[in-house]
Every structure is written in C-alpha cells, then in structure tokens.
C-alpha cells in the first residue's frame, strides 16, 4: 500500500456497525471528513487526483457533489486551475434556488470529483443534474472505491471511472 493510502486509512478508517448513504450496512466506514479536513491529507489526495486529469482532457470544469466532495474538488481546482461547480442534492428552495452552484455554460465538459463511492448513487445523481443543465459529463474520479458495485453502475451510465484508491489497494478486507 502507498504511504498516502496508509495515511488516509490511519486518519479515517473506522470499524463498527454503520449504515451507508446507499442504505447498506457495513462493518467499516471511511469517514471522508477525517481526511478532507486535514490540510496535509487533502493536499496530497488532491495532488493524486489532479495527476489523473491530463488523461481526461479536454474538459472545462470540475464538479463535486455536496457536501462530502466540496473540499476535495476545491483543492483539485486550486492545483489544476480549472473552475468547479458544486452540485446540490436538490434545489435549496430559497435565494437563486439552484441545484448547481458556480458558473457553467451548456456544452462545457465536466469531470466529477467524488469522495467515497459505494453504489455510485450520489455521483450518478450529480451527473444527471449536470447533464440536465446541458453539460457534458463523461468521467468521474473518486478518492476511494469501496468496490461494492459503484463502478458497474457508473460505467453503465457511460462514465469513465478512475478511483485514487480501492478497498483492495487499501488492504480492506470485506466480509463475505
């Protein structure tokens, strides 16, 4: 395992009984806030993700689903110089009532940056919202793929998927 992978695990790997966003139960949890709020880890994770971006050119924007991916997409944006948008779970119901925050123009190409992928549900909802706004979305990067079906769901929707880490590369043994 890489040194960065070990640091991520040391900071964020929890054992117990957890309900994931997907509704699934898990004996382990990667608490994204425990790695995305630490400047040393956030910087190095963002650098790892940014290294993957040249293979996805040309693209115009980055996008991060709220709330977990916002710090990560902001850090990647700072490193690569591309602007980003934040994709809300739904319209906020006040102010501008937008589902997407930031400046984007129909036809622009977008790379989604996600934190942890299990089923891919949050990332796919973000992709749908971006596409509904007239943006072209064909790639998704994430910090960790739990390897629990997200890749298949994401690729089925026509997105290239490239995680920085997988559960296997982090040495996480899943029950079963």
C-alpha atoms as a PDB file:
ATOM      1  CA  UNK A   1       0.000   0.000   0.000  1.00  0.00           C
ATOM      2  CA  UNK A   2       1.189   3.508  -0.732  1.00  0.00           C
ATOM      3  CA  UNK A   3       2.244   5.891   2.005  1.00  0.00           C
ATOM      4  CA  UNK A   4      -0.699   8.164   1.136  1.00  0.00           C
ATOM      5  CA  UNK A   5      -3.100   5.227   1.332  1.00  0.00           C
ATOM      6  CA  UNK A   6      -1.798   4.326   4.770  1.00  0.00           C
ATOM      7  CA  UNK A   7      -2.181   7.920   5.956  1.00  0.00           C
ATOM      8  CA  UNK A   8      -5.754   8.014   4.647  1.00  0.00           C
ATOM      9  CA  UNK A   9      -6.568   4.774   6.488  1.00  0.00           C
ATOM     10  CA  UNK A  10      -4.886   5.922   9.691  1.00  0.00           C
ATOM     11  CA  UNK A  11      -6.954   9.112   9.644  1.00  0.00           C
ATOM     12  CA  UNK A  12     -10.349   7.844   8.536  1.00  0.00           C
ATOM     13  CA  UNK A  13     -10.868   4.065   8.825  1.00  0.00           C
ATOM     14  CA  UNK A  14     -13.459   3.184  11.465  1.00  0.00           C
ATOM     15  CA  UNK A  15     -14.778  -0.237  12.476  1.00  0.00           C
ATOM     16  CA  UNK A  16     -18.232  -0.868  13.891  1.00  0.00           C
ATOM     17  CA  UNK A  17     -21.770  -1.129  12.574  1.00  0.00           C
ATOM     18  CA  UNK A  18     -22.540   1.621  10.062  1.00  0.00           C
ATOM     19  CA  UNK A  19     -25.419   2.444   7.742  1.00  0.00           C
ATOM     20  CA  UNK A  20     -24.096   3.893   4.497  1.00  0.00           C
ATOM     21  CA  UNK A  21     -25.786   6.504   2.304  1.00  0.00           C
ATOM     22  CA  UNK A  22     -26.778   3.653  -0.011  1.00  0.00           C
ATOM     23  CA  UNK A  23     -28.737   2.110   2.874  1.00  0.00           C
ATOM     24  CA  UNK A  24     -26.328  -0.801   3.107  1.00  0.00           C
ATOM     25  CA  UNK A  25     -24.820  -1.847   6.422  1.00  0.00           C
ATOM     26  CA  UNK A  26     -21.066  -2.088   6.778  1.00  0.00           C
ATOM     27  CA  UNK A  27     -18.555  -3.191   9.395  1.00  0.00           C
ATOM     28  CA  UNK A  28     -16.201  -0.421   8.256  1.00  0.00           C
ATOM     29  CA  UNK A  29     -16.521   3.228   7.376  1.00  0.00           C
ATOM     30  CA  UNK A  30     -14.134   5.647   5.704  1.00  0.00           C
ATOM     31  CA  UNK A  31     -15.004   8.980   7.275  1.00  0.00           C
ATOM     32  CA  UNK A  32     -14.297  11.414   4.450  1.00  0.00           C
ATOM     33  CA  UNK A  33     -14.396  14.354   6.829  1.00  0.00           C
ATOM     34  CA  UNK A  34     -11.487  12.909   8.767  1.00  0.00           C
ATOM     35  CA  UNK A  35      -9.300  13.049   5.648  1.00  0.00           C
ATOM     36  CA  UNK A  36     -10.779  16.022   3.773  1.00  0.00           C
ATOM     37  CA  UNK A  37     -10.473  18.415   6.714  1.00  0.00           C
ATOM     38  CA  UNK A  38      -6.770  17.744   7.284  1.00  0.00           C
ATOM     39  CA  UNK A  39      -4.671  20.067   5.116  1.00  0.00           C
ATOM     40  CA  UNK A  40      -1.798  17.587   4.731  1.00  0.00           C
ATOM     41  CA  UNK A  41      -4.066  14.783   3.561  1.00  0.00           C
ATOM     42  CA  UNK A  42      -6.361  16.984   1.498  1.00  0.00           C
ATOM     43  CA  UNK A  43      -3.369  18.475  -0.339  1.00  0.00           C
ATOM     44  CA  UNK A  44      -1.855  15.075  -1.138  1.00  0.00           C
ATOM     45  CA  UNK A  45      -5.175  13.445  -2.091  1.00  0.00           C
ATOM     46  CA  UNK A  46      -5.944  16.402  -4.364  1.00  0.00           C
ATOM     47  CA  UNK A  47      -2.496  16.064  -5.955  1.00  0.00           C
ATOM     48  CA  UNK A  48      -3.143  12.378  -6.631  1.00  0.00           C
ATOM     49  CA  UNK A  49      -6.485  13.156  -8.252  1.00  0.00           C
ATOM     50  CA  UNK A  50      -5.019  16.070 -10.225  1.00  0.00           C
ATOM     51  CA  UNK A  51      -2.400  13.705 -11.696  1.00  0.00           C
ATOM     52  CA  UNK A  52      -5.251  11.761 -13.308  1.00  0.00           C
ATOM     53  CA  UNK A  53      -6.773  14.792 -15.042  1.00  0.00           C
ATOM     54  CA  UNK A  54      -4.484  15.104 -18.105  1.00  0.00           C
ATOM     55  CA  UNK A  55      -5.783  11.740 -19.368  1.00  0.00           C
ATOM     56  CA  UNK A  56      -9.316  13.202 -19.302  1.00  0.00           C
ATOM     57  CA  UNK A  57      -8.589  16.335 -21.354  1.00  0.00           C
ATOM     58  CA  UNK A  58     -10.180  18.221 -22.864  1.00  0.00           C
ATOM     59  CA  UNK A  59     -12.578  19.337 -20.139  1.00  0.00           C
ATOM     60  CA  UNK A  60     -13.700  22.724 -18.880  1.00  0.00           C
ATOM     61  CA  UNK A  61     -14.931  22.242 -15.321  1.00  0.00           C
ATOM     62  CA  UNK A  62     -14.752  20.082 -12.258  1.00  0.00           C
ATOM     63  CA  UNK A  63     -17.859  19.262 -10.236  1.00  0.00           C
ATOM     64  CA  UNK A  64     -18.292  17.984  -6.702  1.00  0.00           C
ATOM     65  CA  UNK A  65     -21.479  16.686  -5.098  1.00  0.00           C
ATOM     66  CA  UNK A  66     -22.342  18.375  -1.809  1.00  0.00           C
ATOM     67  CA  UNK A  67     -21.229  18.112   0.950  1.00  0.00           C
ATOM     68  CA  UNK A  68     -18.527  15.488   1.140  1.00  0.00           C
ATOM     69  CA  UNK A  69     -16.728  16.249  -2.115  1.00  0.00           C
ATOM     70  CA  UNK A  70     -16.715  20.055  -1.864  1.00  0.00           C
ATOM     71  CA  UNK A  71     -13.384  20.441  -0.068  1.00  0.00           C
ATOM     72  CA  UNK A  72     -11.791  17.848  -2.337  1.00  0.00           C
ATOM     73  CA  UNK A  73     -12.998  19.394  -5.604  1.00  0.00           C
ATOM     74  CA  UNK A  74     -11.917  22.854  -4.380  1.00  0.00           C
ATOM     75  CA  UNK A  75      -8.424  21.545  -3.611  1.00  0.00           C
ATOM     76  CA  UNK A  76      -8.146  19.822  -7.012  1.00  0.00           C
ATOM     77  CA  UNK A  77      -9.354  23.024  -8.689  1.00  0.00           C
ATOM     78  CA  UNK A  78      -6.613  25.007  -6.980  1.00  0.00           C
ATOM     79  CA  UNK A  79      -3.990  22.570  -8.239  1.00  0.00           C
ATOM     80  CA  UNK A  80      -5.150  22.261 -11.844  1.00  0.00           C
ATOM     81  CA  UNK A  81      -6.503  25.777 -12.389  1.00  0.00           C
ATOM     82  CA  UNK A  82      -9.902  24.624 -13.667  1.00  0.00           C
ATOM     83  CA  UNK A  83     -13.053  26.167 -12.170  1.00  0.00           C
ATOM     84  CA  UNK A  84     -15.546  23.976 -10.351  1.00  0.00           C
ATOM     85  CA  UNK A  85     -19.231  23.771  -9.580  1.00  0.00           C
ATOM     86  CA  UNK A  86     -20.966  22.291  -6.561  1.00  0.00           C
ATOM     87  CA  UNK A  87     -23.904  20.002  -7.234  1.00  0.00           C
ATOM     88  CA  UNK A  88     -26.598  20.120  -4.569  1.00  0.00           C
ATOM     89  CA  UNK A  89     -28.768  17.156  -3.634  1.00  0.00           C
ATOM     90  CA  UNK A  90     -31.747  19.296  -4.619  1.00  0.00           C
ATOM     91  CA  UNK A  91     -32.759  22.895  -5.159  1.00  0.00           C
ATOM     92  CA  UNK A  92     -32.318  24.796  -1.913  1.00  0.00           C
ATOM     93  CA  UNK A  93     -35.755  26.425  -2.015  1.00  0.00           C
ATOM     94  CA  UNK A  94     -34.583  29.991  -1.454  1.00  0.00           C
ATOM     95  CA  UNK A  95     -32.281  32.611  -2.968  1.00  0.00           C
ATOM     96  CA  UNK A  96     -31.389  31.535  -6.508  1.00  0.00           C
ATOM     97  CA  UNK A  97     -32.942  28.089  -5.885  1.00  0.00           C
ATOM     98  CA  UNK A  98     -30.193  26.390  -7.920  1.00  0.00           C
ATOM     99  CA  UNK A  99     -29.225  22.737  -7.957  1.00  0.00           C
ATOM    100  CA  UNK A 100     -25.763  23.709  -9.180  1.00  0.00           C
ATOM    101  CA  UNK A 101     -23.624  26.462  -7.662  1.00  0.00           C
ATOM    102  CA  UNK A 102     -20.916  28.150  -9.696  1.00  0.00           C
ATOM    103  CA  UNK A 103     -20.663  29.247 -13.310  1.00  0.00           C
ATOM    104  CA  UNK A 104     -21.250  26.707 -16.046  1.00  0.00           C
ATOM    105  CA  UNK A 105     -22.358  27.027 -19.672  1.00  0.00           C
ATOM    106  CA  UNK A 106     -24.261  24.409 -21.670  1.00  0.00           C
ATOM    107  CA  UNK A 107     -21.883  22.290 -23.720  1.00  0.00           C
ATOM    108  CA  UNK A 108     -18.974  22.520 -21.291  1.00  0.00           C
ATOM    109  CA  UNK A 109     -17.250  19.242 -20.454  1.00  0.00           C
ATOM    110  CA  UNK A 110     -17.140  18.277 -16.776  1.00  0.00           C
ATOM    111  CA  UNK A 111     -15.167  15.817 -14.650  1.00  0.00           C
ATOM    112  CA  UNK A 112     -16.910  14.859 -11.411  1.00  0.00           C
ATOM    113  CA  UNK A 113     -14.772  14.515  -8.277  1.00  0.00           C
ATOM    114  CA  UNK A 114     -16.289  12.315  -5.555  1.00  0.00           C
ATOM    115  CA  UNK A 115     -15.107  11.246  -2.118  1.00  0.00           C
ATOM    116  CA  UNK A 116     -16.087   7.622  -1.413  1.00  0.00           C
ATOM    117  CA  UNK A 117     -18.096   5.501  -3.866  1.00  0.00           C
ATOM    118  CA  UNK A 118     -20.173   2.541  -2.712  1.00  0.00           C
ATOM    119  CA  UNK A 119     -23.142   2.151  -5.078  1.00  0.00           C
ATOM    120  CA  UNK A 120     -22.382   5.328  -7.039  1.00  0.00           C
ATOM    121  CA  UNK A 121     -25.789   6.829  -6.212  1.00  0.00           C
ATOM    122  CA  UNK A 122     -24.692  10.333  -5.186  1.00  0.00           C
ATOM    123  CA  UNK A 123     -22.251  10.615  -8.080  1.00  0.00           C
ATOM    124  CA  UNK A 124     -24.883   9.499 -10.587  1.00  0.00           C
ATOM    125  CA  UNK A 125     -27.426  11.965  -9.201  1.00  0.00           C
ATOM    126  CA  UNK A 126     -24.807  14.702  -9.687  1.00  0.00           C
ATOM    127  CA  UNK A 127     -24.117  13.507 -13.245  1.00  0.00           C
ATOM    128  CA  UNK A 128     -27.850  13.590 -14.026  1.00  0.00           C
ATOM    129  CA  UNK A 129     -28.167  17.149 -12.653  1.00  0.00           C
ATOM    130  CA  UNK A 130     -25.153  18.316 -14.658  1.00  0.00           C
ATOM    131  CA  UNK A 131     -26.473  16.713 -17.826  1.00  0.00           C
ATOM    132  CA  UNK A 132     -29.907  18.269 -17.227  1.00  0.00           C
ATOM    133  CA  UNK A 133     -28.119  21.645 -17.187  1.00  0.00           C
ATOM    134  CA  UNK A 134     -26.727  20.920 -20.659  1.00  0.00           C
ATOM    135  CA  UNK A 135     -23.225  19.935 -19.554  1.00  0.00           C
ATOM    136  CA  UNK A 136     -21.273  17.005 -20.975  1.00  0.00           C
ATOM    137  CA  UNK A 137     -20.213  14.541 -18.280  1.00  0.00           C
ATOM    138  CA  UNK A 138     -18.163  11.505 -19.178  1.00  0.00           C
ATOM    139  CA  UNK A 139     -15.687  10.976 -16.337  1.00  0.00           C
ATOM    140  CA  UNK A 140     -15.689  10.558 -12.598  1.00  0.00           C
ATOM    141  CA  UNK A 141     -12.719  10.429 -10.247  1.00  0.00           C
ATOM    142  CA  UNK A 142     -13.041   9.448  -6.608  1.00  0.00           C
ATOM    143  CA  UNK A 143     -10.795   9.132  -3.602  1.00  0.00           C
ATOM    144  CA  UNK A 144     -11.914   5.598  -2.646  1.00  0.00           C
ATOM    145  CA  UNK A 145     -13.982   2.977  -4.450  1.00  0.00           C
ATOM    146  CA  UNK A 146     -15.365   0.579  -1.826  1.00  0.00           C
ATOM    147  CA  UNK A 147     -15.756  -1.969  -4.663  1.00  0.00           C
ATOM    148  CA  UNK A 148     -19.379  -2.647  -3.845  1.00  0.00           C
ATOM    149  CA  UNK A 149     -20.989  -2.146  -7.239  1.00  0.00           C
ATOM    150  CA  UNK A 150     -20.389   1.551  -7.827  1.00  0.00           C
ATOM    151  CA  UNK A 151     -18.004   1.048 -10.753  1.00  0.00           C
ATOM    152  CA  UNK A 152     -20.551  -1.048 -12.667  1.00  0.00           C
ATOM    153  CA  UNK A 153     -23.345   1.470 -12.038  1.00  0.00           C
ATOM    154  CA  UNK A 154     -21.159   4.408 -13.050  1.00  0.00           C
ATOM    155  CA  UNK A 155     -19.801   2.761 -16.194  1.00  0.00           C
ATOM    156  CA  UNK A 156     -23.309   1.601 -17.151  1.00  0.00           C
ATOM    157  CA  UNK A 157     -24.262   5.311 -17.304  1.00  0.00           C
ATOM    158  CA  UNK A 158     -21.445   5.966 -19.766  1.00  0.00           C
ATOM    159  CA  UNK A 159     -18.917   7.482 -17.372  1.00  0.00           C
ATOM    160  CA  UNK A 160     -15.232   6.643 -17.231  1.00  0.00           C
ATOM    161  CA  UNK A 161     -14.374   5.824 -13.621  1.00  0.00           C
ATOM    162  CA  UNK A 162     -10.951   6.152 -12.047  1.00  0.00           C
ATOM    163  CA  UNK A 163     -10.517   5.886  -8.261  1.00  0.00           C
ATOM    164  CA  UNK A 164      -7.382   7.048  -6.486  1.00  0.00           C
ATOM    165  CA  UNK A 165      -7.724   4.029  -4.169  1.00  0.00           C
ATOM    166  CA  UNK A 166      -9.875   0.926  -3.959  1.00  0.00           C
ATOM    167  CA  UNK A 167     -10.773  -1.050  -0.855  1.00  0.00           C
ATOM    168  CA  UNK A 168      -8.423  -3.753  -2.161  1.00  0.00           C
ATOM    169  CA  UNK A 169      -5.491  -1.355  -2.709  1.00  0.00           C
ATOM    170  CA  UNK A 170      -6.005  -0.087   0.846  1.00  0.00           C
ATOM    171  CA  UNK A 171      -5.934  -3.651   2.189  1.00  0.00           C
ATOM    172  CA  UNK A 172      -9.522  -3.513   3.437  1.00  0.00           C
ATOM    173  CA  UNK A 173     -10.930  -6.998   3.722  1.00  0.00           C
ATOM    174  CA  UNK A 174     -14.669  -7.056   3.226  1.00  0.00           C
ATOM    175  CA  UNK A 175     -16.714  -9.732   4.977  1.00  0.00           C
ATOM    176  CA  UNK A 176     -18.240 -12.474   2.928  1.00  0.00           C
END
